[in-house]
Amino acid sequence: MSEKMFVQIACCFSLLLLHNGGASTTEIQWYRTAQNTTDRISPQPSLQFGGDFPSDVTITIDRSSSYQTILGFGGAFTESAAYVFSKLNSSLQSQVLQMYFSEDGLRYNMARLPIGSTDFSLTTYSYDDIAGDINLTAFSIDHDLALIIPFIQRANATLMSWSKDTLSIVASPWSPPWWMKEIESPYCLLSCVLCQLKDEYQQAWALYFSKFIASYAAEGITIWGVTVQDEPGACPTRYEGMHFDAQSEANFVKHYLGPQLSRDHPAVKIIVYDYNKNDVVEWAQTIYSDKSAAPYVWGIAVHWYSGDDFPNLNTTHNLFPNKPILATEATEVRETDPANPSWSKGEHYAHDIIGDMNNWVVGFIDWNLILDMNGAPNHAGPDECEGVIKCGSDGMLLADTDNQIIYPQVFYYYVGHISKFVPRGSVRISSSVEGSALECIAFLTPESEVVVVAMNTGDSPITFKLLDIVAGQPEAVKVTALPHSIQTFVYT
């Protein structure tokens, strides 16, 4: 065969490959969790991209369109969680730390930390109960030394044992000391009436934040950010709370908290709102439009209890694109059968994270890291689990401390399908679904890996095409999502 004829044949063969979509060598690693199977973030046989093909259902990835950078994922170091953790034997304690913070676990790198007591504390407490102590000379975090601080220290050590990362901790108050409030109670006994700071103690309350941050730093724990107030519109009558509206919170930030932290802890982020997504636009407009308050504010925090409200997140971002949105709390109702938990809770969590992050949220922090079999301890319900207010809520991990057994709940795995594969610094990229109700989201990691998460919440399997346009050429692979399943795909 002449050299000229060989070149002609080779060129024709290359054109034929291009016409058929090309022969890709890109290998796809993927993992699945599915109802009525044993799959729990379980690796599946690898796939390989090929040429494009017709399909009724398509997930299309476009890495040329990028959006927000992801901070991370985590859970809350409540006193209740720390107490349950302390009741586990050393082996199970290590297992919990590995499940959340290790390379083999969910790879959590964020956390939420209450400033003082919450409904998920053993008792009601503050760090300074001396009335009128405006200089906070009696301030002490000694209460936290027994349970909470050791739990955080071990979690941070677990994370740092395999990564260069440390926990980004968001600290949030439920209530100031009783003597700082008009109602003179940590609870909002008359709902929102009088459940606010006394004017003469606003500076002392800002100093309280500063002393908390410094005291934790002395224990080797860095506070990354603070929210001004947990759920400022909730005004709970049976547990700790305090009321702000948007303007009064802006006033506290610009006159007191902002200047205090700017002087004492300039690296600590101030995050406003910290409540449900239904009112996030109004709060953002009020606070960010205050030219004296806005410069102190890093971003805005949201909870999920009002429903999806995803368009509100998109609106907030479009109005204030330089102010990040962070999801700081979510939980489910108490699980009555932890050994056989509700599958829909996992789907709810993934649906919320996918919807939030497809609308500019930069991170997701769950509520209690671990609780007992009653979703407790919780001091809000005076009649324990039989009261009008149930004694607790759900947690990703529920522990039978009598028999020393841990029960991972379904949403542990569903959240893991995202948190485990999307490290800090990943960027959301464009993803879209055509032809079905599959939910999806996609990211590009700092290591240039594409991560695609696809969830099927229906009762029937869905066969779909995963399509990625690489260097102008389509690469595609056929996949089937089992009923009530979530899958994560990773490729370069």
Foldseek 3Di string as FASTA:
>chain_A
DDPVVVVVVVVVVVVVCVVQQHAFPWKKWKAKDFPPDPGFSHTDPIDTWGGDDDDLKEKEFEQVFFDDFFAFEAAELAQQLQVLLVLFPPVVVVVLLCQGCALPHLNGQEYEYEQFHWLFHPDHDHQAQDAPPLVPPSGDPVVCVPTRLVSQVVSQVRNVVVDVGGYAYEYAYFAHHLNQWQVSDQALQVQQVRQAGDPVRLQSVLVSVLVVQVNSVVSVDHHQEYEHHAQQRGRGNQIGHGHDDLQRSLVSQLPHNLVSCCVRPVRYAYEYDNEALPCPQVSLCNNCVPVRRNVRHQAYEHEQVVHQNLVSLLVSCVVPVRRAYEYAEDFAAQAQDLQDGDLVVLVVVLVNVLSNVVRGHRYHYYYRQEHENQQDCGRRAVVECPGPDGRHTDHQWYAHSVVNDIRGHNNSSSSSLPNSPAHRRKIWGDIDMGNDDKGKTWIQHPVRKIKIKIFAQAQAKDKYWYWYQDPNGIIIDIDIAGHGMMMMMIID
